[in-house]
Amino acid sequence: MDLAAQLLGHTDPKVTIEHYIRRNEHVNPLTAELLDRAFAREDESKSS
């Protein structure tokens, strides 16, 4: 990352990360369901 930042003329690698690194915004549905069950509030779980 440091080399890429230098080659692009960025003084801080954070700039390179912010503009060039794409994060995967997709979530595994099973993981999402398990997290919802694990961390659901009691009043929300009754409405399902």
C-alpha atoms as a PDB file:
ATOM      1  CA  MET A   1       0.000   0.000   0.000  1.00  0.00           C
ATOM      2  CA  ASP A   2       2.868   2.375   0.785  1.00  0.00           C
ATOM      3  CA  LEU A   3       4.368   1.870  -2.666  1.00  0.00           C
ATOM      4  CA  ALA A   4       1.009   2.507  -4.334  1.00  0.00           C
ATOM      5  CA  ALA A   5       0.562   5.679  -2.273  1.00  0.00           C
ATOM      6  CA  GLN A   6       4.015   6.904  -3.268  1.00  0.00           C
ATOM      7  CA  LEU A   7       3.469   6.127  -6.945  1.00  0.00           C
ATOM      8  CA  LEU A   8       0.144   7.966  -6.902  1.00  0.00           C
ATOM      9  CA  GLY A   9       1.680  10.958  -5.128  1.00  0.00           C
ATOM     10  CA  HIS A  10      -0.304  10.564  -1.917  1.00  0.00           C
ATOM     11  CA  THR A  11       1.426  11.802   1.215  1.00  0.00           C
ATOM     12  CA  ASP A  12      -0.530   9.384   3.402  1.00  0.00           C
ATOM     13  CA  PRO A  13      -1.530   5.777   2.536  1.00  0.00           C
ATOM     14  CA  LYS A  14      -4.937   6.487   4.137  1.00  0.00           C
ATOM     15  CA  VAL A  15      -5.765   8.628   1.099  1.00  0.00           C
ATOM     16  CA  THR A  16      -4.980   5.700  -1.211  1.00  0.00           C
ATOM     17  CA  ILE A  17      -7.085   3.332   0.876  1.00  0.00           C
ATOM     18  CA  GLU A  18     -10.019   5.757   0.962  1.00  0.00           C
ATOM     19  CA  HIS A  19     -10.069   6.286  -2.796  1.00  0.00           C
ATOM     20  CA  TYR A  20      -8.863   3.008  -4.297  1.00  0.00           C
ATOM     21  CA  ILE A  21      -9.818   0.149  -1.972  1.00  0.00           C
ATOM     22  CA  ARG A  22     -13.291  -1.248  -2.639  1.00  0.00           C
ATOM     23  CA  ARG A  23     -14.909  -3.020   0.273  1.00  0.00           C
ATOM     24  CA  ASN A  24     -17.290  -5.881  -0.281  1.00  0.00           C
ATOM     25  CA  GLU A  25     -20.651  -4.617   0.956  1.00  0.00           C
ATOM     26  CA  HIS A  26     -22.358  -7.982   0.502  1.00  0.00           C
ATOM     27  CA  VAL A  27     -23.127 -10.077   3.554  1.00  0.00           C
ATOM     28  CA  ASN A  28     -23.618 -13.809   3.647  1.00  0.00           C
ATOM     29  CA  PRO A  29     -27.374 -14.262   4.343  1.00  0.00           C
ATOM     30  CA  LEU A  30     -26.756 -17.078   6.824  1.00  0.00           C
ATOM     31  CA  THR A  31     -24.261 -14.947   8.745  1.00  0.00           C
ATOM     32  CA  ALA A  32     -26.731 -12.052   8.812  1.00  0.00           C
ATOM     33  CA  GLU A  33     -29.496 -14.302  10.107  1.00  0.00           C
ATOM     34  CA  LEU A  34     -27.291 -15.763  12.830  1.00  0.00           C
ATOM     35  CA  LEU A  35     -26.164 -12.306  13.939  1.00  0.00           C
ATOM     36  CA  ASP A  36     -29.756 -11.064  13.941  1.00  0.00           C
ATOM     37  CA  ARG A  37     -30.785 -13.976  16.158  1.00  0.00           C
ATOM     38  CA  ALA A  38     -27.800 -13.591  18.470  1.00  0.00           C
ATOM     39  CA  PHE A  39     -28.165  -9.849  18.976  1.00  0.00           C
ATOM     40  CA  ALA A  40     -31.891  -9.236  18.506  1.00  0.00           C
ATOM     41  CA  ARG A  41     -33.624  -7.359  21.258  1.00  0.00           C
ATOM     42  CA  GLU A  42     -36.303  -9.280  23.066  1.00  0.00           C
ATOM     43  CA  ASP A  43     -39.126  -6.946  21.937  1.00  0.00           C
ATOM     44  CA  GLU A  44     -38.046  -7.243  18.269  1.00  0.00           C
ATOM     45  CA  SER A  45     -37.912 -11.058  18.352  1.00  0.00           C
ATOM     46  CA  LYS A  46     -41.551 -11.234  19.517  1.00  0.00           C
ATOM     47  CA  SER A  47     -42.788  -9.351  16.445  1.00  0.00           C
ATOM     48  CA  SER A  48     -41.298 -11.882  13.975  1.00  0.00           C
END
